[in-house]
Amino acid sequence: MIFKVHSPNRASYRQDLFSRILLSGLGAVILLVGLLNIYFAAGPGDLPFWAIGLITTLGWHATFTHYRVRVNLQTRKIVLKASSIYPIFYREYNLNDVLGFRVISRGAKNLPYQVVMMCKNGEQVAISNLRYPAYAKQVAQEFADFTHLPVTVDMI
């Protein structure tokens, strides 16, 4: 994931091109396997239809899913959006309601560090899940520098 400043008022946080190509390629292979199973599944010894559907759905989402965070200082909005040709979620927050950004350790094995946005109403909105603490601090600092909000690092 990369944080890219487009102008003094706009920035985005999205997956880099190399990772996107690798994930889409892998997803396309899984999707193709699922679709071929749907086409050729006719006998009693074939995979159950629900398993074929699960494989195909996994391939679909790996191929087409995008996650982006957009920051617009002119409108004072931060938008979190995930889509897979159709929208998965769309969340819009006013930057006036954001207290700052925080890096926390969540104890997960695969992606143990999380960058969260702290809101005035007590809500903690996950921006990104990351593997390395230095990169989590860097991402939180990039958001904080661009939005002129504070950053807190709470890692044990």
N, C-alpha and C. Protein backbone atom coordinates (compact mmCIF):
# COMPACT_ATOMS: atom_id res chain seq x y z
N MET A 1 0.85 -1.16 0.00
CA MET A 1 0.00 0.00 0.00
C MET A 1 0.90 1.24 0.00
N ILE A 2 0.49 2.22 -0.77
CA ILE A 2 1.28 3.44 -0.85
C ILE A 2 0.40 4.65 -0.57
N PHE A 3 0.98 5.63 0.08
CA PHE A 3 0.33 6.90 0.33
C PHE A 3 0.82 7.86 -0.72
N LYS A 4 -0.09 8.38 -1.53
CA LYS A 4 0.31 9.24 -2.65
C LYS A 4 -0.41 10.58 -2.54
N VAL A 5 0.38 11.65 -2.57
CA VAL A 5 -0.18 13.00 -2.54
C VAL A 5 -0.39 13.45 -3.98
N HIS A 6 -1.64 13.77 -4.33
CA HIS A 6 -1.98 14.18 -5.69
C HIS A 6 -1.88 15.69 -5.86
N SER A 7 -2.22 16.43 -4.82
CA SER A 7 -2.15 17.89 -4.82
C SER A 7 -2.04 18.33 -3.36
N PRO A 8 -1.88 19.60 -3.10
CA PRO A 8 -1.81 20.03 -1.70
C PRO A 8 -3.09 19.73 -0.90
N ASN A 9 -4.18 19.46 -1.60
CA ASN A 9 -5.46 19.19 -0.92
C ASN A 9 -5.94 17.75 -1.03
N ARG A 10 -5.35 16.96 -1.89
CA ARG A 10 -5.84 15.59 -2.11
C ARG A 10 -4.72 14.57 -2.00
N ALA A 11 -5.05 13.43 -1.35
CA ALA A 11 -4.11 12.32 -1.25
C ALA A 11 -4.90 11.03 -1.22
N SER A 12 -4.22 9.93 -1.52
CA SER A 12 -4.88 8.63 -1.46
C SER A 12 -3.91 7.59 -0.92
N TYR A 13 -4.48 6.55 -0.36
CA TYR A 13 -3.73 5.42 0.16
C TYR A 13 -4.31 4.19 -0.51
N ARG A 14 -3.51 3.52 -1.31
CA ARG A 14 -4.02 2.39 -2.08
C ARG A 14 -2.93 1.36 -2.29
N GLN A 15 -3.32 0.25 -2.85
CA GLN A 15 -2.38 -0.83 -3.12
C GLN A 15 -1.46 -0.44 -4.27
N ASP A 16 -0.17 -0.78 -4.15
CA ASP A 16 0.75 -0.46 -5.23
C ASP A 16 0.50 -1.37 -6.43
N LEU A 17 0.98 -0.95 -7.58
CA LEU A 17 0.68 -1.62 -8.85
C LEU A 17 1.20 -3.06 -8.89
N PHE A 18 2.40 -3.29 -8.39
CA PHE A 18 2.99 -4.63 -8.43
C PHE A 18 2.14 -5.62 -7.63
N SER A 19 1.76 -5.25 -6.43
CA SER A 19 0.91 -6.12 -5.60
C SER A 19 -0.45 -6.33 -6.25
N ARG A 20 -0.99 -5.28 -6.83
CA ARG A 20 -2.30 -5.38 -7.48
C ARG A 20 -2.25 -6.37 -8.64
N ILE A 21 -1.18 -6.32 -9.43
CA ILE A 21 -1.04 -7.23 -10.58
C ILE A 21 -0.89 -8.67 -10.09
N LEU A 22 -0.08 -8.89 -9.07
CA LEU A 22 0.10 -10.25 -8.54
C LEU A 22 -1.19 -10.81 -7.97
N LEU A 23 -1.90 -10.01 -7.19
CA LEU A 23 -3.15 -10.48 -6.59
C LEU A 23 -4.21 -10.71 -7.66
N SER A 24 -4.30 -9.82 -8.62
CA SER A 24 -5.28 -10.00 -9.70
C SER A 24 -4.97 -11.22 -10.54
N GLY A 25 -3.69 -11.45 -10.81
CA GLY A 25 -3.30 -12.63 -11.59
C GLY A 25 -3.64 -13.92 -10.87
N LEU A 26 -3.31 -13.99 -9.60
CA LEU A 26 -3.65 -15.16 -8.80
C LEU A 26 -5.17 -15.35 -8.72
N GLY A 27 -5.88 -14.25 -8.52
CA GLY A 27 -7.34 -14.32 -8.47
C GLY A 27 -7.94 -14.78 -9.78
N ALA A 28 -7.36 -14.34 -10.89
CA ALA A 28 -7.87 -14.75 -12.20
C ALA A 28 -7.70 -16.26 -12.41
N VAL A 29 -6.59 -16.80 -11.94
CA VAL A 29 -6.37 -18.25 -12.05
C VAL A 29 -7.39 -19.01 -11.21
N ILE A 30 -7.60 -18.56 -9.97
CA ILE A 30 -8.59 -19.21 -9.10
C ILE A 30 -9.99 -19.07 -9.69
N LEU A 31 -10.30 -17.89 -10.22
CA LEU A 31 -11.61 -17.68 -10.86
C LEU A 31 -11.79 -18.60 -12.06
N LEU A 32 -10.76 -18.76 -12.86
CA LEU A 32 -10.83 -19.64 -14.02
C LEU A 32 -11.06 -21.09 -13.60
N VAL A 33 -10.36 -21.53 -12.55
CA VAL A 33 -10.56 -22.89 -12.04
C VAL A 33 -12.01 -23.08 -11.58
N GLY A 34 -12.53 -22.09 -10.88
CA GLY A 34 -13.92 -22.17 -10.42
C GLY A 34 -14.90 -22.21 -11.57
N LEU A 35 -14.69 -21.36 -12.57
CA LEU A 35 -15.60 -21.33 -13.72
C LEU A 35 -15.53 -22.62 -14.53
N LEU A 36 -14.32 -23.17 -14.67
CA LEU A 36 -14.20 -24.44 -15.38
C LEU A 36 -14.89 -25.57 -14.61
N ASN A 37 -14.81 -25.53 -13.29
CA ASN A 37 -15.53 -26.52 -12.48
C ASN A 37 -17.04 -26.39 -12.64
N ILE A 38 -17.52 -25.16 -12.75
CA ILE A 38 -18.96 -24.96 -12.97
C ILE A 38 -19.36 -25.54 -14.32
N TYR A 39 -18.55 -25.28 -15.34
CA TYR A 39 -18.87 -25.73 -16.69
C TYR A 39 -18.84 -27.26 -16.80
N PHE A 40 -17.83 -27.89 -16.20
CA PHE A 40 -17.66 -29.33 -16.36
C PHE A 40 -18.25 -30.16 -15.22
N ALA A 41 -18.85 -29.55 -14.23
CA ALA A 41 -19.41 -30.30 -13.10
C ALA A 41 -20.75 -30.90 -13.50
N ALA A 42 -20.75 -32.16 -13.78
CA ALA A 42 -21.99 -32.82 -14.17
C ALA A 42 -22.14 -34.17 -13.50
N GLY A 43 -21.02 -34.77 -13.08
CA GLY A 43 -21.07 -36.11 -12.51
C GLY A 43 -21.21 -36.11 -10.99
N PRO A 44 -21.59 -37.27 -10.46
CA PRO A 44 -21.76 -37.37 -9.01
C PRO A 44 -20.43 -37.32 -8.24
N GLY A 45 -19.31 -37.56 -8.89
CA GLY A 45 -18.01 -37.55 -8.22
C GLY A 45 -17.34 -36.20 -8.22
N ASP A 46 -17.98 -35.20 -8.80
CA ASP A 46 -17.38 -33.87 -8.88
C ASP A 46 -17.54 -33.12 -7.55
N LEU A 47 -16.89 -31.98 -7.48
CA LEU A 47 -17.00 -31.14 -6.29
C LEU A 47 -18.45 -30.73 -6.06
N PRO A 48 -18.86 -30.58 -4.81
CA PRO A 48 -20.21 -30.06 -4.55
C PRO A 48 -20.33 -28.64 -5.11
N PHE A 49 -21.53 -28.28 -5.47
CA PHE A 49 -21.75 -26.98 -6.10
C PHE A 49 -21.40 -25.83 -5.16
N TRP A 50 -21.63 -26.00 -3.85
CA TRP A 50 -21.30 -24.93 -2.91
C TRP A 50 -19.78 -24.71 -2.84
N ALA A 51 -18.99 -25.77 -2.98
CA ALA A 51 -17.54 -25.65 -2.97
C ALA A 51 -17.04 -24.93 -4.23
N ILE A 52 -17.67 -25.25 -5.35
CA ILE A 52 -17.32 -24.57 -6.60
C ILE A 52 -17.66 -23.08 -6.49
N GLY A 53 -18.80 -22.78 -5.91
CA GLY A 53 -19.20 -21.38 -5.71
C GLY A 53 -18.24 -20.64 -4.80
N LEU A 54 -17.77 -21.31 -3.76
CA LEU A 54 -16.81 -20.71 -2.84
C LEU A 54 -15.48 -20.41 -3.54
N ILE A 55 -15.00 -21.35 -4.34
CA ILE A 55 -13.76 -21.16 -5.10
C ILE A 55 -13.92 -19.99 -6.08
N THR A 56 -15.02 -19.96 -6.78
CA THR A 56 -15.26 -18.91 -7.77
C THR A 56 -15.38 -17.54 -7.10
N THR A 57 -16.07 -17.48 -5.96
CA THR A 57 -16.21 -16.21 -5.23
C THR A 57 -14.85 -15.71 -4.74
N LEU A 58 -14.03 -16.62 -4.24
CA LEU A 58 -12.69 -16.24 -3.80
C LEU A 58 -11.87 -15.67 -4.97
N GLY A 59 -11.94 -16.33 -6.10
CA GLY A 59 -11.23 -15.83 -7.29
C GLY A 59 -11.75 -14.48 -7.75
N TRP A 60 -13.07 -14.30 -7.70
CA TRP A 60 -13.69 -13.03 -8.10
C TRP A 60 -13.17 -11.90 -7.24
N HIS A 61 -13.21 -12.09 -5.92
CA HIS A 61 -12.79 -11.02 -5.02
C HIS A 61 -11.29 -10.77 -5.09
N ALA A 62 -10.49 -11.79 -5.26
CA ALA A 62 -9.05 -11.57 -5.40
C ALA A 62 -8.72 -10.83 -6.69
N THR A 63 -9.51 -11.05 -7.73
CA THR A 63 -9.26 -10.40 -9.01
C THR A 63 -9.71 -8.94 -9.02
N PHE A 64 -10.88 -8.66 -8.47
CA PHE A 64 -11.49 -7.34 -8.67
C PHE A 64 -11.55 -6.43 -7.44
N THR A 65 -11.18 -6.90 -6.25
CA THR A 65 -11.33 -6.08 -5.05
C THR A 65 -10.28 -4.98 -4.98
N HIS A 66 -10.73 -3.78 -4.65
CA HIS A 66 -9.87 -2.62 -4.46
C HIS A 66 -10.22 -1.96 -3.13
N TYR A 67 -9.21 -1.52 -2.39
CA TYR A 67 -9.42 -0.78 -1.16
C TYR A 67 -8.65 0.52 -1.27
N ARG A 68 -9.32 1.63 -1.01
CA ARG A 68 -8.69 2.94 -1.10
C ARG A 68 -9.13 3.81 0.06
N VAL A 69 -8.22 4.67 0.48
CA VAL A 69 -8.54 5.72 1.43
C VAL A 69 -8.21 7.02 0.73
N ARG A 70 -9.19 7.90 0.64
CA ARG A 70 -8.99 9.19 -0.01
C ARG A 70 -9.15 10.29 1.01
N VAL A 71 -8.22 11.24 0.98
CA VAL A 71 -8.25 12.39 1.88
C VAL A 71 -8.39 13.64 1.03
N ASN A 72 -9.37 14.47 1.36
CA ASN A 72 -9.57 15.73 0.66
C ASN A 72 -9.61 16.84 1.72
N LEU A 73 -8.56 17.66 1.77
CA LEU A 73 -8.50 18.73 2.76
C LEU A 73 -9.42 19.89 2.43
N GLN A 74 -9.75 20.05 1.16
CA GLN A 74 -10.62 21.14 0.75
C GLN A 74 -12.04 20.93 1.28
N THR A 75 -12.54 19.71 1.17
CA THR A 75 -13.87 19.40 1.70
C THR A 75 -13.82 18.87 3.12
N ARG A 76 -12.60 18.68 3.68
CA ARG A 76 -12.39 18.17 5.04
C ARG A 76 -13.02 16.79 5.21
N LYS A 77 -12.81 15.92 4.22
CA LYS A 77 -13.38 14.56 4.25
C LYS A 77 -12.27 13.52 4.10
N ILE A 78 -12.49 12.38 4.74
CA ILE A 78 -11.67 11.20 4.52
C ILE A 78 -12.64 10.07 4.18
N VAL A 79 -12.39 9.40 3.06
CA VAL A 79 -13.30 8.39 2.53
C VAL A 79 -12.58 7.05 2.47
N LEU A 80 -13.19 6.03 3.07
CA LEU A 80 -12.69 4.66 2.99
C LEU A 80 -13.64 3.91 2.07
N LYS A 81 -13.09 3.27 1.05
CA LYS A 81 -13.94 2.60 0.06
C LYS A 81 -13.32 1.27 -0.34
N ALA A 82 -14.14 0.24 -0.31
CA ALA A 82 -13.74 -1.07 -0.83
C ALA A 82 -14.79 -1.48 -1.86
N SER A 83 -14.32 -1.99 -2.98
CA SER A 83 -15.26 -2.40 -4.03
C SER A 83 -14.70 -3.61 -4.76
N SER A 84 -15.61 -4.34 -5.34
CA SER A 84 -15.26 -5.49 -6.15
C SER A 84 -16.21 -5.49 -7.34
N ILE A 85 -16.08 -4.53 -8.20
CA ILE A 85 -16.98 -4.17 -9.29
C ILE A 85 -18.26 -3.58 -8.71
N TYR A 86 -18.77 -4.18 -7.65
CA TYR A 86 -19.89 -3.60 -6.90
C TYR A 86 -19.33 -3.11 -5.57
N PRO A 87 -19.96 -2.12 -4.92
CA PRO A 87 -19.41 -1.60 -3.67
C PRO A 87 -19.53 -2.61 -2.52
N ILE A 88 -18.46 -2.75 -1.75
CA ILE A 88 -18.47 -3.59 -0.56
C ILE A 88 -18.78 -2.71 0.64
N PHE A 89 -18.04 -1.61 0.79
CA PHE A 89 -18.40 -0.60 1.78
C PHE A 89 -17.88 0.75 1.34
N TYR A 90 -18.54 1.78 1.85
CA TYR A 90 -18.18 3.16 1.59
C TYR A 90 -18.42 3.93 2.88
N ARG A 91 -17.35 4.45 3.45
CA ARG A 91 -17.47 5.21 4.69
C ARG A 91 -16.85 6.58 4.50
N GLU A 92 -17.56 7.59 4.92
CA GLU A 92 -17.09 8.96 4.78
C GLU A 92 -17.05 9.61 6.16
N TYR A 93 -15.92 10.22 6.49
CA TYR A 93 -15.74 10.86 7.79
C TYR A 93 -15.32 12.30 7.58
N ASN A 94 -15.78 13.17 8.46
CA ASN A 94 -15.39 14.56 8.44
C ASN A 94 -14.09 14.70 9.22
N LEU A 95 -13.10 15.36 8.65
CA LEU A 95 -11.81 15.51 9.32
C LEU A 95 -11.91 16.36 10.59
N ASN A 96 -12.96 17.18 10.69
CA ASN A 96 -13.16 17.96 11.91
C ASN A 96 -13.54 17.06 13.09
N ASP A 97 -14.04 15.86 12.81
CA ASP A 97 -14.42 14.91 13.86
C ASP A 97 -13.31 13.92 14.18
N VAL A 98 -12.15 14.07 13.56
CA VAL A 98 -11.04 13.15 13.77
C VAL A 98 -10.04 13.77 14.75
N LEU A 99 -9.68 13.01 15.78
CA LEU A 99 -8.71 13.49 16.77
C LEU A 99 -7.27 13.26 16.32
N GLY A 100 -7.02 12.18 15.59
CA GLY A 100 -5.68 11.87 15.13
C GLY A 100 -5.58 10.43 14.69
N PHE A 101 -4.35 9.98 14.50
CA PHE A 101 -4.09 8.63 14.04
C PHE A 101 -3.28 7.90 15.11
N ARG A 102 -3.44 6.60 15.15
CA ARG A 102 -2.81 5.80 16.19
C ARG A 102 -2.32 4.48 15.60
N VAL A 103 -1.16 4.04 16.03
CA VAL A 103 -0.62 2.74 15.64
C VAL A 103 -0.75 1.83 16.85
N ILE A 104 -1.41 0.70 16.67
CA ILE A 104 -1.61 -0.24 17.77
C ILE A 104 -1.12 -1.63 17.37
N SER A 105 -0.80 -2.41 18.36
CA SER A 105 -0.45 -3.81 18.15
C SER A 105 -1.67 -4.62 18.52
N ARG A 106 -2.17 -5.41 17.58
CA ARG A 106 -3.39 -6.15 17.84
C ARG A 106 -3.15 -7.61 18.18
N GLY A 107 -1.92 -8.06 18.17
CA GLY A 107 -1.61 -9.42 18.56
C GLY A 107 -1.91 -10.48 17.51
N ALA A 108 -2.28 -10.07 16.33
CA ALA A 108 -2.54 -11.03 15.25
C ALA A 108 -1.22 -11.58 14.74
N LYS A 109 -1.25 -12.78 14.23
CA LYS A 109 -0.02 -13.43 13.77
C LYS A 109 0.45 -12.90 12.42
N ASN A 110 -0.45 -12.74 11.46
CA ASN A 110 -0.08 -12.37 10.10
C ASN A 110 0.17 -10.87 9.95
N LEU A 111 -0.77 -10.05 10.35
CA LEU A 111 -0.66 -8.59 10.23
C LEU A 111 -0.88 -7.97 11.61
N PRO A 112 0.16 -7.96 12.45
CA PRO A 112 -0.03 -7.61 13.86
C PRO A 112 -0.19 -6.12 14.17
N TYR A 113 0.10 -5.24 13.23
CA TYR A 113 0.04 -3.81 13.52
C TYR A 113 -1.07 -3.16 12.71
N GLN A 114 -1.73 -2.20 13.35
CA GLN A 114 -2.89 -1.57 12.71
C GLN A 114 -2.79 -0.06 12.88
N VAL A 115 -3.08 0.65 11.80
CA VAL A 115 -3.19 2.10 11.84
C VAL A 115 -4.67 2.42 11.93
N VAL A 116 -5.05 3.14 12.99
CA VAL A 116 -6.46 3.49 13.19
C VAL A 116 -6.61 5.00 13.25
N MET A 117 -7.80 5.45 12.86
CA MET A 117 -8.16 6.85 12.93
C MET A 117 -9.06 7.01 14.16
N MET A 118 -8.68 7.91 15.06
CA MET A 118 -9.42 8.13 16.29
C MET A 118 -10.43 9.26 16.07
N CYS A 119 -11.71 8.97 16.33
CA CYS A 119 -12.77 9.97 16.15
C CYS A 119 -13.20 10.54 17.50
N LYS A 120 -13.81 11.71 17.47
CA LYS A 120 -14.26 12.38 18.69
C LYS A 120 -15.34 11.59 19.43
N ASN A 121 -16.13 10.80 18.71
CA ASN A 121 -17.20 10.03 19.35
C ASN A 121 -16.69 8.72 19.95
N GLY A 122 -15.38 8.50 19.95
CA GLY A 122 -14.78 7.30 20.53
C GLY A 122 -14.57 6.17 19.54
N GLU A 123 -15.02 6.35 18.33
CA GLU A 123 -14.88 5.32 17.30
C GLU A 123 -13.42 5.25 16.85
N GLN A 124 -12.93 4.02 16.66
CA GLN A 124 -11.60 3.78 16.10
C GLN A 124 -11.78 3.10 14.75
N VAL A 125 -11.42 3.79 13.70
CA VAL A 125 -11.62 3.30 12.34
C VAL A 125 -10.30 2.75 11.82
N ALA A 126 -10.29 1.48 11.45
CA ALA A 126 -9.07 0.86 10.92
C ALA A 126 -8.78 1.39 9.52
N ILE A 127 -7.58 1.91 9.35
CA ILE A 127 -7.14 2.41 8.05
C ILE A 127 -6.35 1.33 7.32
N SER A 128 -5.46 0.66 8.07
CA SER A 128 -4.59 -0.31 7.43
C SER A 128 -4.09 -1.33 8.45
N ASN A 129 -3.90 -2.56 7.99
CA ASN A 129 -3.28 -3.62 8.79
C ASN A 129 -1.94 -3.93 8.16
N LEU A 130 -0.89 -3.89 8.99
CA LEU A 130 0.46 -4.03 8.45
C LEU A 130 1.28 -5.04 9.23
N ARG A 131 2.30 -5.55 8.59
CA ARG A 131 3.15 -6.59 9.18
C ARG A 131 4.29 -6.03 10.02
N TYR A 132 4.87 -4.92 9.61
CA TYR A 132 6.07 -4.41 10.25
C TYR A 132 5.79 -3.13 11.02
N PRO A 133 6.33 -2.99 12.24
CA PRO A 133 6.04 -1.81 13.05
C PRO A 133 6.59 -0.51 12.44
N ALA A 134 7.75 -0.56 11.84
CA ALA A 134 8.32 0.66 11.25
C ALA A 134 7.45 1.17 10.10
N TYR A 135 6.93 0.25 9.30
CA TYR A 135 6.06 0.66 8.19
C TYR A 135 4.72 1.19 8.70
N ALA A 136 4.21 0.60 9.77
CA ALA A 136 2.96 1.09 10.37
C ALA A 136 3.15 2.51 10.89
N LYS A 137 4.28 2.77 11.53
CA LYS A 137 4.57 4.13 12.02
C LYS A 137 4.70 5.10 10.86
N GLN A 138 5.32 4.65 9.76
CA GLN A 138 5.50 5.52 8.59
C GLN A 138 4.16 5.89 7.97
N VAL A 139 3.28 4.91 7.82
CA VAL A 139 1.96 5.17 7.23
C VAL A 139 1.16 6.13 8.11
N ALA A 140 1.16 5.89 9.41
CA ALA A 140 0.44 6.78 10.33
C ALA A 140 1.02 8.19 10.28
N GLN A 141 2.33 8.30 10.19
CA GLN A 141 2.97 9.61 10.13
C GLN A 141 2.63 10.33 8.83
N GLU A 142 2.55 9.60 7.71
CA GLU A 142 2.17 10.22 6.43
C GLU A 142 0.75 10.78 6.51
N PHE A 143 -0.18 10.03 7.08
CA PHE A 143 -1.55 10.53 7.26
C PHE A 143 -1.55 11.75 8.17
N ALA A 144 -0.81 11.68 9.27
CA ALA A 144 -0.77 12.78 10.22
C ALA A 144 -0.15 14.04 9.62
N ASP A 145 0.92 13.88 8.87
CA ASP A 145 1.57 15.03 8.25
C ASP A 145 0.66 15.69 7.22
N PHE A 146 -0.04 14.89 6.44
CA PHE A 146 -0.89 15.46 5.40
C PHE A 146 -2.11 16.17 5.99
N THR A 147 -2.71 15.57 7.02
CA THR A 147 -3.93 16.13 7.60
C THR A 147 -3.65 17.11 8.73
N HIS A 148 -2.40 17.24 9.15
CA HIS A 148 -2.00 18.11 10.26
C HIS A 148 -2.68 17.69 11.56
N LEU A 149 -2.81 16.38 11.75
CA LEU A 149 -3.36 15.81 12.97
C LEU A 149 -2.26 15.04 13.70
N PRO A 150 -2.39 14.84 15.00
CA PRO A 150 -1.34 14.14 15.74
C PRO A 150 -1.37 12.64 15.48
N VAL A 151 -0.23 12.00 15.77
CA VAL A 151 -0.11 10.55 15.67
C VAL A 151 0.38 10.02 17.02
N THR A 152 -0.18 8.89 17.44
CA THR A 152 0.20 8.23 18.68
C THR A 152 0.61 6.80 18.35
N VAL A 153 1.70 6.35 18.96
CA VAL A 153 2.16 4.98 18.74
C VAL A 153 1.99 4.23 20.04
N ASP A 154 1.09 3.24 20.07
CA ASP A 154 0.80 2.42 21.25
C ASP A 154 1.13 0.97 20.97
N MET A 155 2.40 0.67 20.88
CA MET A 155 2.82 -0.71 20.61
C MET A 155 3.62 -1.21 21.79
N ILE A 156 3.36 -2.45 22.17
CA ILE A 156 4.09 -3.06 23.29
C ILE A 156 5.24 -3.88 22.75
